[in-house]
Amino acid sequence: DRTEPLPGTDPARWYHQEPSSSAPLHEDDTPIRLSPSALERAVDCPQSWLMERAGGTRSGGPAQLIGTALHHLAQTHPSGPAGGEQDLLEELHTLLRSVPGTETWSGRRRVRRAEDAARLLAEHLRGAGEPLAVEAPFEVTLGRVHLRGSIDRIEGDATGLRVVDLKSGRPAKSAAKAEEDLQLAAYQAAVREGALAEQL
């Protein structure tokens, strides 16, 4: 029986086990700049956020390209397409020509889900009326945190304002989860602090 470990199997001897620095990531008086989505990632998994901030972000895949296409449709047709749902679907297919892998089985499934999302978007836009703002940029400082981003849509009527954050790749959140959503909280803070006053 071999009692000695094999060379290179002792984790204590692996490369870079000691931290390269013990200095804090931020000085106490340094502002922390975040987007609303980065805020959510930083709370959910600080290590993942740190890796992404250091350049470890993966390139966007088909799901991200489809999400970008749907956001583009919402931005260019804020009150819904003039020709209705069919026009939106035709424009979606034009935008998806650059998405790789749409001819595969999984790619066709992704396209069908994108079509379903476009139909829901068309239905929402028809009933929502003219928005108060689309892709509304904002900046707001909360303590050390400086939030900067844009809101997909802001709708309003006699009942009040509605901040709309379009999601294409995830199931809808429950009402309880939406109350805890940090992206929505960032948008609410921007409205509360008057960061969107000039656009509303």
Protein backbone atom coordinates (compact mmCIF):
# COMPACT_ATOMS: atom_id res chain seq x y z
CA ASP A 1 0.00 0.00 0.00
CA ARG A 2 1.20 3.48 -0.86
CA THR A 3 0.91 5.83 2.13
CA GLU A 4 2.57 8.85 0.52
CA PRO A 5 0.25 11.08 -1.55
CA LEU A 6 0.86 11.21 -5.27
CA PRO A 7 2.83 14.25 -6.44
CA GLY A 8 0.57 17.26 -7.05
CA THR A 9 -2.48 15.90 -5.18
CA ASP A 10 -2.00 17.91 -1.98
CA PRO A 11 -4.25 21.04 -2.31
CA ALA A 12 -1.97 22.93 0.08
CA ARG A 13 0.76 22.79 -2.56
CA TRP A 14 -1.40 23.87 -5.48
CA TYR A 15 -0.52 27.09 -7.25
CA HIS A 16 -1.82 30.37 -5.83
CA GLN A 17 -3.27 29.07 -2.58
CA GLU A 18 -2.25 32.23 -0.74
CA PRO A 19 -4.28 35.37 -1.55
CA SER A 20 -2.48 37.81 -3.81
CA SER A 21 -3.80 40.66 -1.68
CA SER A 22 -5.62 41.15 1.60
CA ALA A 23 -6.54 44.77 0.85
CA PRO A 24 -10.27 45.57 0.79
CA LEU A 25 -11.96 45.65 -2.61
CA HIS A 26 -13.15 49.20 -1.90
CA GLU A 27 -12.00 51.86 0.51
CA ASP A 28 -14.67 52.97 2.97
CA ASP A 29 -15.28 56.26 1.16
CA THR A 30 -15.16 54.88 -2.41
CA PRO A 31 -18.53 54.82 -4.22
CA ILE A 32 -19.65 51.41 -5.44
CA ARG A 33 -21.07 51.70 -8.96
CA LEU A 34 -23.68 49.12 -9.91
CA SER A 35 -26.39 48.54 -12.47
CA PRO A 36 -29.70 47.17 -11.14
CA SER A 37 -28.93 43.71 -12.56
CA ALA A 38 -25.40 43.78 -11.09
CA LEU A 39 -26.92 44.72 -7.72
CA GLU A 40 -29.04 41.58 -7.84
CA ARG A 41 -26.03 39.42 -8.82
CA ALA A 42 -23.84 40.98 -6.11
CA VAL A 43 -26.38 40.08 -3.42
CA ASP A 44 -27.17 36.61 -4.83
CA CYS A 45 -23.51 35.60 -5.28
CA PRO A 46 -20.79 38.15 -4.43
CA GLN A 47 -18.05 35.89 -5.84
CA SER A 48 -19.79 35.61 -9.20
CA TRP A 49 -20.31 39.38 -9.35
CA LEU A 50 -16.64 39.96 -8.51
CA MET A 51 -15.46 37.52 -11.20
CA GLU A 52 -17.70 39.18 -13.80
CA ARG A 53 -16.46 42.62 -12.76
CA ALA A 54 -12.88 41.41 -13.26
CA GLY A 55 -13.66 40.35 -16.84
CA GLY A 56 -15.08 36.88 -16.34
CA THR A 57 -18.37 37.55 -18.14
CA ARG A 58 -19.33 34.94 -20.68
CA SER A 59 -20.18 36.11 -24.19
CA GLY A 60 -23.89 36.36 -24.86
CA GLY A 61 -25.48 33.18 -26.16
CA PRO A 62 -28.67 32.63 -28.18
CA ALA A 63 -30.93 33.26 -25.16
CA GLN A 64 -29.38 36.69 -24.61
CA LEU A 65 -29.66 37.55 -28.32
CA ILE A 66 -33.35 36.59 -28.27
CA GLY A 67 -33.88 38.73 -25.16
CA THR A 68 -32.19 41.66 -26.91
CA ALA A 69 -34.46 41.18 -29.96
CA LEU A 70 -37.60 41.22 -27.79
CA HIS A 71 -36.44 44.34 -25.94
CA HIS A 72 -35.79 45.98 -29.33
CA LEU A 73 -39.37 45.21 -30.41
CA ALA A 74 -40.74 46.74 -27.20
CA GLN A 75 -38.62 49.85 -27.67
CA THR A 76 -39.45 50.41 -31.34
CA HIS A 77 -43.18 49.72 -30.92
CA PRO A 78 -44.01 51.31 -27.54
CA SER A 79 -47.76 51.29 -28.25
CA GLY A 80 -47.77 48.05 -30.20
CA PRO A 81 -47.05 47.40 -33.90
CA ALA A 82 -49.35 49.12 -36.38
CA GLY A 83 -50.00 45.84 -38.20
CA GLY A 84 -50.68 43.88 -35.02
CA GLU A 85 -49.15 40.66 -33.74
CA GLN A 86 -48.22 39.30 -37.17
CA ASP A 87 -46.02 42.32 -37.91
CA LEU A 88 -44.25 41.83 -34.58
CA LEU A 89 -43.60 38.15 -35.35
CA GLU A 90 -42.24 38.95 -38.82
CA GLU A 91 -39.90 41.57 -37.37
CA LEU A 92 -38.83 39.10 -34.67
CA HIS A 93 -37.88 36.51 -37.34
CA THR A 94 -35.85 39.16 -39.17
CA LEU A 95 -33.96 39.97 -35.97
CA LEU A 96 -33.37 36.28 -35.20
CA ARG A 97 -31.61 35.59 -38.53
CA SER A 98 -28.29 36.42 -36.85
CA VAL A 99 -28.90 34.01 -33.94
CA PRO A 100 -26.81 30.84 -34.42
CA GLY A 101 -28.33 27.39 -34.15
CA THR A 102 -31.97 28.24 -34.86
CA GLU A 103 -32.19 25.32 -37.32
CA THR A 104 -31.45 22.72 -34.61
CA TRP A 105 -34.14 21.07 -32.49
CA SER A 106 -33.25 23.11 -29.39
CA GLY A 107 -32.90 26.25 -31.53
CA ARG A 108 -36.41 25.77 -32.96
CA ARG A 109 -37.75 25.40 -29.42
CA ARG A 110 -36.04 28.68 -28.46
CA VAL A 111 -37.62 30.41 -31.47
CA ARG A 112 -41.09 29.07 -30.54
CA ARG A 113 -40.63 30.40 -27.00
CA ALA A 114 -39.53 33.75 -28.46
CA GLU A 115 -42.67 33.80 -30.63
CA ASP A 116 -44.81 33.11 -27.55
CA ALA A 117 -43.05 35.97 -25.74
CA ALA A 118 -43.62 38.30 -28.72
CA ARG A 119 -47.34 37.44 -28.71
CA LEU A 120 -47.55 38.24 -24.98
CA LEU A 121 -45.63 41.46 -25.60
CA ALA A 122 -48.02 42.48 -28.41
CA GLU A 123 -51.00 41.78 -26.15
CA HIS A 124 -49.51 43.86 -23.33
CA LEU A 125 -48.58 46.77 -25.59
CA ARG A 126 -52.11 46.85 -27.07
CA GLY A 127 -53.69 47.21 -23.64
CA ALA A 128 -51.06 49.38 -21.96
CA GLY A 129 -51.45 52.47 -24.12
CA GLU A 130 -48.77 55.09 -24.69
CA PRO A 131 -45.98 54.73 -22.09
CA LEU A 132 -44.69 57.70 -20.11
CA ALA A 133 -41.11 56.65 -20.91
CA VAL A 134 -39.24 53.88 -22.75
CA GLU A 135 -35.66 52.84 -21.92
CA ALA A 136 -35.59 55.66 -19.38
CA PRO A 137 -32.02 56.26 -18.12
CA PHE A 138 -31.42 57.08 -14.46
CA GLU A 139 -28.70 57.60 -11.89
CA VAL A 140 -29.30 57.58 -8.15
CA THR A 141 -26.98 57.47 -5.14
CA LEU A 142 -28.02 55.51 -2.06
CA GLY A 143 -25.32 55.80 0.59
CA ARG A 144 -22.11 54.45 -0.97
CA VAL A 145 -23.94 52.74 -3.83
CA HIS A 146 -24.29 54.63 -7.10
CA LEU A 147 -26.96 52.95 -9.23
CA ARG A 148 -27.06 53.62 -12.95
CA GLY A 149 -29.27 51.94 -15.50
CA SER A 150 -32.40 52.26 -17.59
CA ILE A 151 -36.01 51.20 -17.10
CA ASP A 152 -37.65 49.26 -19.94
CA ARG A 153 -41.00 51.03 -19.65
CA ILE A 154 -42.82 53.37 -17.31
CA GLU A 155 -46.59 53.31 -17.62
CA GLY A 156 -49.12 55.37 -15.75
CA ASP A 157 -52.74 56.30 -15.41
CA ALA A 158 -55.07 57.65 -12.74
CA THR A 159 -54.12 54.76 -10.45
CA GLY A 160 -50.39 55.65 -10.43
CA LEU A 161 -47.06 54.72 -12.02
CA ARG A 162 -46.05 51.23 -13.11
CA VAL A 163 -42.42 50.31 -13.67
CA VAL A 164 -42.21 47.53 -16.27
CA ASP A 165 -39.13 45.31 -16.43
CA LEU A 166 -39.36 42.98 -19.43
CA LYS A 167 -38.07 39.45 -18.86
CA SER A 168 -37.76 37.01 -21.75
CA GLY A 169 -35.71 34.14 -20.37
CA ARG A 170 -37.27 33.38 -17.01
CA PRO A 171 -40.72 32.44 -15.74
CA ALA A 172 -42.78 35.24 -14.24
CA LYS A 173 -42.08 35.89 -10.56
CA SER A 174 -44.76 35.45 -7.94
CA ALA A 175 -46.13 38.57 -6.23
CA ALA A 176 -44.14 37.68 -3.10
CA LYS A 177 -40.89 37.29 -5.09
CA ALA A 178 -41.54 40.54 -6.97
CA GLU A 179 -41.75 42.39 -3.65
CA GLU A 180 -38.19 41.21 -2.87
CA ASP A 181 -36.81 41.80 -6.39
CA LEU A 182 -33.73 44.02 -6.15
CA GLN A 183 -33.91 45.23 -9.75
CA LEU A 184 -37.46 46.48 -9.21
CA ALA A 185 -36.38 47.98 -5.88
CA ALA A 186 -33.62 49.92 -7.70
CA TYR A 187 -36.16 51.27 -10.19
CA GLN A 188 -38.54 52.24 -7.38
CA ALA A 189 -35.67 54.03 -5.61
CA ALA A 190 -34.93 55.96 -8.81
CA VAL A 191 -38.57 57.08 -9.07
CA ARG A 192 -38.76 57.88 -5.32
CA GLU A 193 -35.52 59.91 -5.37
CA GLY A 194 -36.66 61.97 -8.36
CA ALA A 195 -34.03 60.57 -10.75
CA LEU A 196 -36.68 60.33 -13.50
CA ALA A 197 -38.48 63.62 -12.82
CA GLU A 198 -37.42 65.16 -16.16
CA GLN A 199 -38.72 62.19 -18.14
CA LEU A 200 -42.14 61.82 -16.49
